[in-house]
Structures are given as structure tokens and as C-alpha cells.
C-alpha atoms as a PDB file:
ATOM      1  CA  MET A   1      15.379 -60.087 -19.888  1.00  0.00           C
ATOM      2  CA  LYS A   2      13.504 -57.064 -21.121  1.00  0.00           C
ATOM      3  CA  ALA A   3      11.752 -56.735 -17.784  1.00  0.00           C
ATOM      4  CA  THR A   4      14.991 -56.785 -15.827  1.00  0.00           C
ATOM      5  CA  LEU A   5      16.570 -54.160 -18.062  1.00  0.00           C
ATOM      6  CA  LEU A   6      13.463 -52.012 -17.694  1.00  0.00           C
ATOM      7  CA  ASN A   7      13.518 -52.501 -13.926  1.00  0.00           C
ATOM      8  CA  LYS A   8      17.188 -51.491 -13.800  1.00  0.00           C
ATOM      9  CA  LEU A   9      16.455 -48.315 -15.781  1.00  0.00           C
ATOM     10  CA  ILE A  10      13.545 -47.410 -13.495  1.00  0.00           C
ATOM     11  CA  VAL A  11      15.673 -47.990 -10.385  1.00  0.00           C
ATOM     12  CA  ALA A  12      18.511 -45.902 -11.846  1.00  0.00           C
ATOM     13  CA  ALA A  13      16.096 -43.055 -12.668  1.00  0.00           C
ATOM     14  CA  ALA A  14      14.578 -43.221  -9.177  1.00  0.00           C
ATOM     15  CA  ILE A  15      18.030 -43.084  -7.587  1.00  0.00           C
ATOM     16  CA  ALA A  16      18.950 -40.079  -9.730  1.00  0.00           C
ATOM     17  CA  VAL A  17      15.762 -38.235  -8.748  1.00  0.00           C
ATOM     18  CA  VAL A  18      16.159 -39.047  -5.054  1.00  0.00           C
ATOM     19  CA  SER A  19      19.813 -37.998  -5.042  1.00  0.00           C
ATOM     20  CA  ASP A  20      18.886 -34.681  -6.709  1.00  0.00           C
ATOM     21  CA  LEU A  21      16.209 -34.095  -4.097  1.00  0.00           C
ATOM     22  CA  TYR A  22      18.641 -34.923  -1.315  1.00  0.00           C
ATOM     23  CA  ALA A  23      21.267 -32.607  -2.827  1.00  0.00           C
ATOM     24  CA  ALA A  24      18.732 -29.785  -2.993  1.00  0.00           C
ATOM     25  CA  ASP A  25      18.064 -30.158   0.743  1.00  0.00           C
ATOM     26  CA  ALA A  26      21.727 -30.374   1.681  1.00  0.00           C
ATOM     27  CA  PRO A  27      23.181 -27.295   3.364  1.00  0.00           C
ATOM     28  CA  VAL A  28      25.174 -25.045   1.087  1.00  0.00           C
ATOM     29  CA  SER A  29      28.428 -23.544   2.293  1.00  0.00           C
ATOM     30  CA  PRO A  30      28.422 -19.754   2.780  1.00  0.00           C
ATOM     31  CA  THR A  31      30.981 -19.277   0.003  1.00  0.00           C
ATOM     32  CA  ASP A  32      29.091 -21.396  -2.546  1.00  0.00           C
ATOM     33  CA  PRO A  33      28.205 -19.249  -5.584  1.00  0.00           C
ATOM     34  CA  ARG A  34      24.998 -21.235  -6.095  1.00  0.00           C
ATOM     35  CA  LYS A  35      23.600 -19.928  -2.843  1.00  0.00           C
ATOM     36  CA  PRO A  36      21.298 -16.953  -3.386  1.00  0.00           C
ATOM     37  CA  ALA A  37      22.406 -13.768  -1.719  1.00  0.00           C
ATOM     38  CA  GLU A  38      20.573 -13.053   1.494  1.00  0.00           C
ATOM     39  CA  LYS A  39      18.370 -10.032   1.275  1.00  0.00           C
ATOM     40  CA  PRO A  40      18.344  -7.702   4.250  1.00  0.00           C
ATOM     41  CA  VAL A  41      14.950  -7.806   5.869  1.00  0.00           C
ATOM     42  CA  ALA A  42      13.625  -4.396   6.762  1.00  0.00           C
ATOM     43  CA  LYS A  43      11.567  -4.536   9.892  1.00  0.00           C
ATOM     44  CA  ALA A  44       8.879  -2.042   9.002  1.00  0.00           C
ATOM     45  CA  GLN A  45       6.907  -1.074  12.011  1.00  0.00           C
ATOM     46  CA  PRO A  46       3.373   0.039  11.416  1.00  0.00           C
ATOM     47  CA  PRO A  47       2.653   3.622  12.380  1.00  0.00           C
ATOM     48  CA  ALA A  48       1.372   4.115  15.857  1.00  0.00           C
ATOM     49  CA  ALA A  49      -2.381   3.730  15.870  1.00  0.00           C
ATOM     50  CA  GLY A  50      -2.762   6.857  17.979  1.00  0.00           C
ATOM     51  CA  ASP A  51      -0.916   9.000  15.422  1.00  0.00           C
ATOM     52  CA  VAL A  52      -2.989   7.730  12.514  1.00  0.00           C
ATOM     53  CA  LYS A  53      -6.220   8.061  14.433  1.00  0.00           C
ATOM     54  CA  LYS A  54      -5.321  11.595  15.499  1.00  0.00           C
ATOM     55  CA  ASP A  55      -4.571  12.618  11.906  1.00  0.00           C
ATOM     56  CA  VAL A  56      -7.780  11.090  10.597  1.00  0.00           C
ATOM     57  CA  GLU A  57      -9.880  12.756  13.311  1.00  0.00           C
ATOM     58  CA  LYS A  58      -8.235  16.110  12.569  1.00  0.00           C
ATOM     59  CA  PHE A  59      -8.963  15.680   8.868  1.00  0.00           C
ATOM     60  CA  SER A  60     -12.553  14.625   9.568  1.00  0.00           C
ATOM     61  CA  ALA A  61     -13.176  17.697  11.700  1.00  0.00           C
ATOM     62  CA  GLN A  62     -11.773  20.000   9.006  1.00  0.00           C
ATOM     63  CA  ARG A  63     -13.769  18.194   6.324  1.00  0.00           C
ATOM     64  CA  ASP A  64     -16.990  18.489   8.340  1.00  0.00           C
ATOM     65  CA  THR A  65     -16.404  22.227   8.770  1.00  0.00           C
ATOM     66  CA  MET A  66     -15.822  22.642   5.043  1.00  0.00           C
ATOM     67  CA  LEU A  67     -18.918  20.608   4.159  1.00  0.00           C
ATOM     68  CA  ALA A  68     -21.049  22.759   6.457  1.00  0.00           C
ATOM     69  CA  GLU A  69     -19.601  25.882   4.862  1.00  0.00           C
ATOM     70  CA  ARG A  70     -20.263  24.458   1.394  1.00  0.00           C
ATOM     71  CA  GLN A  71     -23.862  23.681   2.311  1.00  0.00           C
ATOM     72  CA  ALA A  72     -24.340  27.239   3.578  1.00  0.00           C
ATOM     73  CA  LEU A  73     -22.945  28.578   0.294  1.00  0.00           C
ATOM     74  CA  LEU A  74     -25.291  26.316  -1.679  1.00  0.00           C
ATOM     75  CA  ASN A  75     -28.246  27.674   0.296  1.00  0.00           C
ATOM     76  CA  GLN A  76     -27.100  31.254  -0.409  1.00  0.00           C
ATOM     77  CA  LEU A  77     -26.652  30.403  -4.081  1.00  0.00           C
ATOM     78  CA  LYS A  78     -30.345  29.609  -4.478  1.00  0.00           C
ATOM     79  CA  THR A  79     -31.419  33.183  -3.737  1.00  0.00           C
ATOM     80  CA  ALA A  80     -28.333  35.101  -4.881  1.00  0.00           C
ATOM     81  CA  SER A  81     -28.153  37.712  -7.626  1.00  0.00           C
ATOM     82  CA  ASP A  82     -25.861  37.200 -10.614  1.00  0.00           C
ATOM     83  CA  GLU A  83     -22.979  39.200  -9.109  1.00  0.00           C
ATOM     84  CA  HIS A  84     -23.302  37.534  -5.744  1.00  0.00           C
ATOM     85  CA  ARG A  85     -23.626  34.124  -7.468  1.00  0.00           C
ATOM     86  CA  LYS A  86     -20.194  34.548  -9.131  1.00  0.00           C
ATOM     87  CA  ALA A  87     -18.607  35.355  -5.772  1.00  0.00           C
ATOM     88  CA  ILE A  88     -20.246  32.339  -4.141  1.00  0.00           C
ATOM     89  CA  LEU A  89     -19.141  30.024  -6.944  1.00  0.00           C
ATOM     90  CA  GLU A  90     -15.590  31.333  -6.591  1.00  0.00           C
ATOM     91  CA  LYS A  91     -15.671  30.660  -2.831  1.00  0.00           C
ATOM     92  CA  MET A  92     -16.958  27.143  -3.488  1.00  0.00           C
ATOM     93  CA  LYS A  93     -14.145  26.537  -5.967  1.00  0.00           C
ATOM     94  CA  GLU A  94     -11.560  27.703  -3.399  1.00  0.00           C
ATOM     95  CA  LEU A  95     -13.191  25.539  -0.753  1.00  0.00           C
ATOM     96  CA  SER A  96     -12.994  22.510  -3.038  1.00  0.00           C
ATOM     97  CA  GLU A  97      -9.302  23.142  -3.753  1.00  0.00           C
ATOM     98  CA  THR A  98      -8.606  23.535  -0.037  1.00  0.00           C
ATOM     99  CA  GLN A  99     -10.334  20.239   0.688  1.00  0.00           C
ATOM    100  CA  ARG A 100      -8.263  18.520  -2.035  1.00  0.00           C
ATOM    101  CA  GLU A 101      -5.080  19.926  -0.509  1.00  0.00           C
ATOM    102  CA  LEU A 102      -6.094  18.666   2.935  1.00  0.00           C
ATOM    103  CA  SER A 103      -6.771  15.195   1.536  1.00  0.00           C
ATOM    104  CA  LYS A 104      -3.385  15.178  -0.153  1.00  0.00           C
ATOM    105  CA  GLN A 105      -1.702  16.335   3.050  1.00  0.00           C
ATOM    106  CA  LEU A 106      -3.385  13.528   5.019  1.00  0.00           C
ATOM    107  CA  ARG A 107      -2.253  10.924   2.474  1.00  0.00           C
ATOM    108  CA  ASP A 108       1.303  12.289   2.598  1.00  0.00           C
ATOM    109  CA  ASP A 109       1.328  12.255   6.401  1.00  0.00           C
ATOM    110  CA  LEU A 110       0.077   8.663   6.486  1.00  0.00           C
ATOM    111  CA  ARG A 111       2.662   7.641   3.886  1.00  0.00           C
ATOM    112  CA  LYS A 112       5.443   9.235   5.951  1.00  0.00           C
ATOM    113  CA  GLN A 113       4.267   7.445   9.073  1.00  0.00           C
ATOM    114  CA  ARG A 114       4.288   4.095   7.229  1.00  0.00           C
ATOM    115  CA  GLN A 115       7.846   4.706   6.017  1.00  0.00           C
ATOM    116  CA  ARG A 116       9.189   5.276   9.520  1.00  0.00           C
END
């Protein structure tokens, strides 16, 4: 008798689990409050590869020009007098700030293109 009661309890539990699984798969009516709200899916299009590539090439060309200018200033710095050295260091500082601004501008442009 104990075995039959145990079997009945196991069968009842299995039926409960299966019915819950079936209920979870059942379609929910559109007005059912249990249904999660549908989120609008934004179709983000990646920026055009040509635009990104053009921006990166432009930045690379400007960066290469600035690096060449920086190297020339470093070469001048080796043989410069104290007064001339201060002027060269100031130019290098301005050049560094300009390069930082260009990098920031490139990042902003790429971010804007991603958001389109």
C-alpha cells in the first residue's frame, strides 16, 4: 500500500510539472498582463565602411605629419640654446595638444557615425 501511495504522489507531481511546462509554452493573449511588454528593436546600421576608412586615413595622414614635425623638433632640441629650447618645448607641447584634439575628434566622428 505504501508503494501505491508513493506512486500516486510521484504521478501527481509529474502531472503538475508537465502541466506547468505546457502552460509556459501556451500562447498568451495580447491583453494578458503577464505578458512582458515588447521592446522596440532599433535597427542600428553600422556606419558605412568607406566613411570610417576615409576618416581613419585622414587622421593617419595628419598624425604622420605631426610625428614627422615632432621628430624634427626633437632633432633641433639636441643642439638648441636655452632660449631656443624653451620655444621648441612649447611647440612640442602645442603639437601634442593638437594631436590629442584630433584623436578626440576622430572618436567623436566615429561615435556619431555609429549612432546614425
